[in-house]
Amino acid sequence: MGIYHNQVFLTFLLSFSTLVILSLGQGTRVGFYSRTCPRAESIVQSTVKSHFSSNRAIAPGLLRMHFHDCFVQGCDGSILIDGANTEKTAGPNLLLRGYEVIDDAKQQLEEACPGVVSCADILALAARDSVVQAGGPSWAVPTGRKDGRVSLASETSNLPGFSDSVDVQKQKFAAKGLNAQDLVTLVGGHTIGTTACQFFRYRLYNFTSTGGADPSINTAFVSTLQSLCPANGDGSTRVGLDNGSENRFDNSFFSNLRNGRGILESDQKLWTDDSTKTFVQRYLGVRGLLGLTFSVEFGRSMVKMSNVEVKTGSNGEIRRVCSAVN
């Protein structure tokens, strides 16, 4: 009799726990839409592929957009919202590109599965698919995020900046549950894409008290960058973040840091600071150190980042249009 009562109680407890989990939201999981919208991932994938074929710049654009989204209000698609003083209008986000890809995918998904797939999930999937299009690795993306309803430009101060010290970068990443290896790995996403001269030109002309260039830049490379970004030239001119390989996802970005050819000051500091240099060296296969495979670790860190402060269950909504709350 006692065993029977224990079994009944256990069954009740499990049922109650299930109800609690369902009411609070189960979090993200791979294949979240397998029943409710089986074509969700393939629709996003084909949309990214179509846009990439006519504009390769959408790959780094979508990757960075996802990164910038996750660091503000968590990975909730808040960066996609239009309006005055939204995240999209903040300085760090003004040059992001790829919004039209998300809108295109969302429109197709609303036709196929109305009100099912969140904009936050579309962005997470599109970031992965962009890396694949650029020759990088694929990974299983957990889905099930809800879209946030808040988007404030004032909160973008959480974003890592192009002149941040390694300590500041580590603090900003740690605040999101990401460690030093995640920092080096995710910054490695700069293996694709470009940046504007206005974000690093100060390193080339008046960086030191004597008016010289940043001494951490390879001397021969200084003249190359000065020819690309003249002192009084157009600050919006774009330069590859991974010099010589900005259109292909590979680990040459880390070779450039070792050789003093990092474009952004914050990137180059990953080589000059011992706490992060070790991870750069491990991606380069330095003898005596346990090696790391960039393509594998990038996927892992992306999954870790994509689960930062996600909204699930009743916390959030499924936007009908990605650029506006319901």
Protein backbone atom coordinates (compact mmCIF):
# COMPACT_ATOMS: atom_id res chain seq x y z
CA MET A 1 0.00 0.00 0.00
CA GLY A 2 2.86 2.33 0.91
CA ILE A 3 4.60 1.66 -2.39
CA TYR A 4 1.37 2.40 -4.28
CA HIS A 5 0.90 5.72 -2.48
CA ASN A 6 4.53 6.64 -3.18
CA GLN A 7 4.03 5.91 -6.88
CA VAL A 8 0.85 7.99 -6.98
CA PHE A 9 2.59 10.85 -5.23
CA LEU A 10 5.57 10.60 -7.55
CA THR A 11 3.26 10.65 -10.58
CA PHE A 12 1.48 13.71 -9.19
CA LEU A 13 4.80 15.43 -8.47
CA LEU A 14 6.07 14.82 -11.99
CA SER A 15 2.80 16.04 -13.52
CA PHE A 16 2.82 19.15 -11.35
CA SER A 17 6.47 19.84 -12.21
CA THR A 18 5.65 19.51 -15.91
CA LEU A 19 2.83 22.02 -15.57
CA VAL A 20 5.13 24.44 -13.75
CA ILE A 21 7.81 24.09 -16.43
CA LEU A 22 5.26 24.63 -19.20
CA SER A 23 3.85 27.71 -17.51
CA LEU A 24 7.27 29.24 -16.98
CA GLY A 25 8.67 28.25 -20.35
CA GLN A 26 11.04 25.40 -21.08
CA GLY A 27 13.84 27.50 -22.45
CA THR A 28 15.41 26.92 -25.85
CA ARG A 29 16.06 23.59 -27.48
CA VAL A 30 17.23 22.29 -30.85
CA GLY A 31 14.28 21.50 -33.10
CA PHE A 32 11.80 23.64 -31.20
CA TYR A 33 9.71 24.18 -34.36
CA SER A 34 9.92 20.60 -35.67
CA ARG A 35 6.16 20.12 -35.23
CA THR A 36 4.74 23.64 -35.22
CA CYS A 37 6.69 24.90 -38.25
CA PRO A 38 8.82 22.13 -39.79
CA ARG A 39 10.20 24.36 -42.56
CA ALA A 40 11.27 27.18 -40.23
CA GLU A 41 15.01 26.58 -40.42
CA SER A 42 15.04 25.79 -44.14
CA ILE A 43 13.12 28.99 -44.92
CA VAL A 44 15.64 31.10 -42.99
CA GLN A 45 18.53 29.23 -44.59
CA SER A 46 17.28 29.71 -48.14
CA THR A 47 16.54 33.39 -47.47
CA VAL A 48 20.05 34.04 -46.17
CA LYS A 49 21.56 32.15 -49.10
CA SER A 50 19.52 34.16 -51.60
CA HIS A 51 20.52 37.53 -50.13
CA PHE A 52 24.16 36.47 -49.70
CA SER A 53 24.41 35.57 -53.38
CA SER A 54 23.82 39.21 -54.29
CA ASN A 55 25.48 40.88 -51.29
CA ARG A 56 28.21 39.11 -49.32
CA ALA A 57 28.21 41.89 -46.73
CA ILE A 58 25.03 40.54 -45.17
CA ALA A 59 27.00 37.63 -43.62
CA PRO A 60 29.09 39.70 -41.20
CA GLY A 61 26.14 42.08 -40.88
CA LEU A 62 23.78 39.42 -39.56
CA LEU A 63 26.46 37.84 -37.37
CA ARG A 64 27.17 41.19 -35.71
CA MET A 65 23.48 42.05 -35.45
CA HIS A 66 22.89 38.87 -33.43
CA PHE A 67 25.89 39.68 -31.23
CA HIS A 68 24.67 43.23 -30.63
CA ASP A 69 21.16 41.96 -29.93
CA CYS A 70 22.29 39.48 -27.28
CA PHE A 71 24.34 42.05 -25.35
CA VAL A 72 21.30 44.33 -24.86
CA GLN A 73 18.17 42.92 -23.18
CA GLY A 74 19.41 39.43 -24.09
CA CYS A 75 18.82 37.57 -27.37
CA ASP A 76 15.27 38.82 -27.87
CA GLY A 77 15.26 40.58 -31.24
CA SER A 78 15.06 44.00 -29.57
CA ILE A 79 17.65 45.34 -32.00
CA LEU A 80 15.13 44.90 -34.84
CA ILE A 81 12.57 47.36 -33.47
CA ASP A 82 12.11 50.67 -35.29
CA GLY A 83 11.44 53.98 -33.55
CA ALA A 84 13.05 56.95 -31.87
CA ASN A 85 15.73 56.09 -29.31
CA THR A 86 15.62 52.34 -29.99
CA GLU A 87 18.75 50.17 -30.06
CA LYS A 88 18.81 50.44 -33.83
CA THR A 89 19.40 54.22 -33.58
CA ALA A 90 22.37 53.98 -31.19
CA GLY A 91 25.88 54.78 -32.43
CA PRO A 92 27.28 51.22 -32.23
CA ASN A 93 24.38 49.94 -34.36
CA LEU A 94 24.09 52.61 -37.05
CA LEU A 95 26.22 50.71 -39.54
CA LEU A 96 24.67 47.28 -39.02
CA ARG A 97 23.24 45.69 -42.14
CA GLY A 98 20.95 42.79 -42.98
CA TYR A 99 17.61 43.90 -41.54
CA GLU A 100 15.95 43.25 -44.88
CA VAL A 101 17.00 39.58 -44.68
CA ILE A 102 15.23 39.14 -41.34
CA ASP A 103 12.13 40.92 -42.66
CA ASP A 104 12.09 38.74 -45.76
CA ALA A 105 12.38 35.53 -43.76
CA LYS A 106 9.72 36.69 -41.30
CA GLN A 107 7.25 37.44 -44.09
CA GLN A 108 7.73 33.97 -45.55
CA LEU A 109 7.38 32.34 -42.13
CA GLU A 110 4.20 34.25 -41.35
CA GLU A 111 2.72 32.89 -44.57
CA ALA A 112 3.83 29.33 -43.75
CA CYS A 113 3.22 29.32 -39.97
CA PRO A 114 1.45 32.49 -38.75
CA GLY A 115 2.41 33.65 -35.27
CA VAL A 116 4.78 30.76 -34.57
CA VAL A 117 8.43 31.71 -35.22
CA SER A 118 9.96 34.58 -33.26
CA CYS A 119 12.15 37.27 -34.79
CA ALA A 120 14.78 36.51 -32.14
CA ASP A 121 15.01 32.92 -33.40
CA ILE A 122 15.13 34.06 -37.02
CA LEU A 123 18.13 36.26 -36.17
CA ALA A 124 19.91 33.46 -34.29
CA LEU A 125 19.40 31.07 -37.20
CA ALA A 126 20.37 33.69 -39.78
CA ALA A 127 23.64 34.38 -37.93
CA ARG A 128 24.56 30.69 -38.16
CA ASP A 129 23.52 30.44 -41.80
CA SER A 130 25.57 33.53 -42.63
CA VAL A 131 28.70 31.96 -41.21
CA VAL A 132 28.06 28.84 -43.29
CA GLN A 133 27.65 30.94 -46.44
CA ALA A 134 31.00 32.57 -45.71
CA GLY A 135 32.71 29.18 -45.61
CA GLY A 136 32.49 28.70 -41.86
CA PRO A 137 31.12 25.90 -39.68
CA SER A 138 27.51 24.98 -39.01
CA TRP A 139 26.10 24.17 -35.59
CA ALA A 140 22.76 23.18 -34.08
CA VAL A 141 20.92 26.34 -32.99
CA PRO A 142 18.61 26.00 -29.97
CA THR A 143 15.34 27.83 -30.65
CA GLY A 144 12.25 28.78 -28.68
CA ARG A 145 13.06 32.40 -27.83
CA LYS A 146 10.31 34.96 -27.47
CA ASP A 147 10.65 38.51 -28.77
CA GLY A 148 11.22 41.34 -26.32
CA ARG A 149 9.05 44.43 -26.09
CA VAL A 150 11.71 46.89 -24.92
CA SER A 151 14.40 48.52 -27.07
CA LEU A 152 16.38 51.46 -25.70
CA ALA A 153 19.39 53.15 -27.29
CA SER A 154 20.64 54.09 -23.82
CA GLU A 155 21.27 50.43 -23.00
CA THR A 156 23.80 49.89 -25.79
CA SER A 157 26.61 51.02 -23.48
CA ASN A 158 26.80 47.30 -22.60
CA LEU A 159 28.27 46.61 -26.03
CA PRO A 160 32.04 46.02 -26.24
CA GLY A 161 33.76 49.03 -27.81
CA PHE A 162 36.55 49.30 -30.38
CA SER A 163 38.96 50.89 -27.89
CA ASP A 164 38.05 48.82 -24.79
CA SER A 165 40.86 47.32 -22.76
CA VAL A 166 40.88 43.55 -22.34
CA ASP A 167 39.78 43.97 -18.71
CA VAL A 168 36.74 45.99 -19.81
CA GLN A 169 35.97 43.49 -22.55
CA LYS A 170 36.18 40.61 -20.08
CA GLN A 171 33.89 42.44 -17.65
CA LYS A 172 31.27 43.03 -20.35
CA PHE A 173 31.40 39.40 -21.44
CA ALA A 174 31.37 38.09 -17.86
CA ALA A 175 28.23 40.12 -17.21
CA LYS A 176 26.58 37.92 -19.85
CA GLY A 177 27.99 34.67 -18.48
CA LEU A 178 30.77 34.47 -21.07
CA ASN A 179 34.40 33.78 -20.15
CA ALA A 180 37.75 34.80 -21.62
CA GLN A 181 37.75 31.93 -24.12
CA ASP A 182 34.28 32.94 -25.31
CA LEU A 183 35.57 36.50 -25.68
CA VAL A 184 38.48 35.53 -27.92
CA THR A 185 36.35 33.06 -29.86
CA LEU A 186 33.44 35.40 -30.53
CA VAL A 187 35.70 38.34 -31.42
CA GLY A 188 37.17 35.87 -33.90
CA GLY A 189 33.95 36.49 -35.83
CA HIS A 190 35.85 39.50 -37.16
CA THR A 191 37.39 37.03 -39.58
CA ILE A 192 34.63 38.24 -41.93
CA GLY A 193 33.51 41.76 -42.66
CA THR A 194 34.83 45.28 -42.61
CA THR A 195 34.98 48.32 -40.37
CA ALA A 196 35.05 52.04 -41.11
CA CYS A 197 38.22 54.13 -40.96
CA GLN A 198 36.63 56.34 -38.32
CA PHE A 199 36.89 53.49 -35.79
CA PHE A 200 40.65 52.93 -36.00
CA ARG A 201 42.25 55.88 -37.84
CA TYR A 202 43.31 57.41 -34.52
CA ARG A 203 45.75 54.49 -34.18
CA LEU A 204 47.63 55.56 -37.30
CA TYR A 205 48.56 59.19 -36.77
CA ASN A 206 48.39 60.64 -33.26
CA PHE A 207 48.21 57.61 -31.02
CA THR A 208 51.36 58.35 -28.99
CA SER A 209 52.58 61.48 -27.26
CA THR A 210 55.09 61.91 -30.07
CA GLY A 211 52.35 61.82 -32.70
CA GLY A 212 53.20 58.37 -34.01
CA ALA A 213 51.17 55.26 -34.72
CA ASP A 214 50.06 52.65 -32.21
CA PRO A 215 53.29 50.70 -31.51
CA SER A 216 51.35 47.42 -31.42
CA ILE A 217 50.72 47.73 -35.19
CA ASN A 218 53.31 46.07 -37.42
CA THR A 219 55.49 48.90 -38.75
CA ALA A 220 55.16 47.86 -42.39
CA PHE A 221 51.39 47.52 -41.97
CA VAL A 222 51.04 51.09 -40.71
CA SER A 223 51.80 52.53 -44.14
CA THR A 224 49.31 50.13 -45.74
CA LEU A 225 46.55 51.30 -43.40
CA GLN A 226 47.52 54.95 -43.86
CA SER A 227 47.12 54.56 -47.62
CA LEU A 228 43.66 53.04 -47.07
CA CYS A 229 42.68 55.64 -44.48
CA PRO A 230 44.41 59.02 -45.10
CA ALA A 231 44.49 61.41 -42.17
CA ASN A 232 41.91 63.72 -43.74
CA GLY A 233 40.12 61.09 -45.80
CA ASP A 234 36.57 59.78 -45.71
CA GLY A 235 35.93 58.22 -42.31
CA SER A 236 33.24 55.95 -43.75
CA THR A 237 35.70 54.11 -46.03
CA ARG A 238 35.56 50.38 -45.26
CA VAL A 239 38.59 48.20 -44.51
CA GLY A 240 38.63 44.42 -43.96
CA LEU A 241 38.86 43.39 -40.30
CA ASP A 242 40.80 40.27 -41.30
CA ASN A 243 43.24 41.79 -43.76
CA GLY A 244 43.63 39.57 -46.80
CA SER A 245 40.77 37.22 -45.89
CA GLU A 246 37.78 39.36 -44.96
CA ASN A 247 35.34 37.40 -47.12
CA ARG A 248 36.16 33.94 -45.80
CA PHE A 249 35.49 32.50 -42.37
CA ASP A 250 38.81 31.03 -41.20
CA ASN A 251 41.34 31.47 -38.39
CA SER A 252 43.66 33.88 -40.23
CA PHE A 253 42.24 36.65 -38.03
CA PHE A 254 44.32 35.21 -35.19
CA SER A 255 47.44 35.07 -37.37
CA ASN A 256 46.96 38.75 -38.09
CA LEU A 257 46.79 39.54 -34.36
CA ARG A 258 50.05 37.65 -33.81
CA ASN A 259 51.65 39.61 -36.64
CA GLY A 260 50.50 43.03 -35.39
CA ARG A 261 47.90 43.36 -38.13
CA GLY A 262 44.77 43.68 -36.01
CA ILE A 263 42.62 46.55 -37.28
CA LEU A 264 40.68 47.51 -34.15
CA GLU A 265 42.58 48.42 -31.01
CA SER A 266 40.33 46.14 -28.93
CA ASP A 267 41.14 43.22 -31.24
CA GLN A 268 44.91 43.72 -31.20
CA LYS A 269 44.88 43.88 -27.40
CA LEU A 270 43.80 40.23 -27.34
CA TRP A 271 47.39 39.45 -28.37
CA THR A 272 49.14 41.90 -26.05
CA ASP A 273 47.24 40.81 -22.91
CA ASP A 274 48.46 37.51 -21.43
CA SER A 275 45.01 36.44 -20.25
CA THR A 276 43.67 36.33 -23.81
CA LYS A 277 46.90 35.76 -25.76
CA THR A 278 46.93 32.14 -24.62
CA PHE A 279 43.63 31.44 -26.39
CA VAL A 280 44.83 33.16 -29.57
CA GLN A 281 47.93 30.97 -29.46
CA ARG A 282 45.84 27.84 -28.93
CA TYR A 283 43.84 28.63 -32.06
CA LEU A 284 47.13 29.03 -33.91
CA GLY A 285 48.40 25.67 -32.69
CA VAL A 286 51.40 27.00 -30.77
CA ARG A 287 53.64 24.14 -29.67
CA GLY A 288 53.42 23.31 -25.98
CA LEU A 289 49.85 24.53 -25.62
CA LEU A 290 46.70 22.44 -25.87
CA GLY A 291 45.27 23.34 -29.25
CA LEU A 292 41.75 24.55 -29.95
CA THR A 293 39.81 24.21 -33.19
CA PHE A 294 38.28 27.57 -34.02
CA SER A 295 35.41 26.22 -36.13
CA VAL A 296 34.30 23.91 -33.32
CA GLU A 297 34.68 26.38 -30.48
CA PHE A 298 32.99 29.18 -32.41
CA GLY A 299 29.80 27.15 -32.68
CA ARG A 300 29.91 26.33 -28.97
CA SER A 301 30.42 29.94 -27.93
CA MET A 302 27.70 31.10 -30.31
CA VAL A 303 25.21 28.69 -28.71
CA LYS A 304 26.29 29.89 -25.27
CA MET A 305 25.85 33.52 -26.28
CA SER A 306 22.55 32.87 -28.04
CA ASN A 307 21.07 31.73 -24.73
CA VAL A 308 21.96 34.94 -22.90
CA GLU A 309 18.93 36.23 -21.00
CA VAL A 310 16.47 34.67 -23.45
CA LYS A 311 12.77 35.23 -22.99
CA THR A 312 10.57 32.14 -23.09
CA GLY A 313 7.06 31.09 -22.15
CA SER A 314 4.88 34.05 -21.19
CA ASN A 315 7.90 36.35 -20.98
CA GLY A 316 7.81 38.04 -24.38
CA GLU A 317 5.78 37.65 -27.56
CA ILE A 318 5.93 36.44 -31.15
CA ARG A 319 6.02 39.65 -33.18
CA ARG A 320 3.92 39.73 -36.32
CA VAL A 321 6.43 42.17 -37.84
CA CYS A 322 10.01 42.19 -36.61
CA SER A 323 10.37 45.96 -36.66
CA ALA A 324 7.47 46.63 -34.24
CA VAL A 325 6.01 45.19 -31.06
CA ASN A 326 2.52 43.75 -31.37
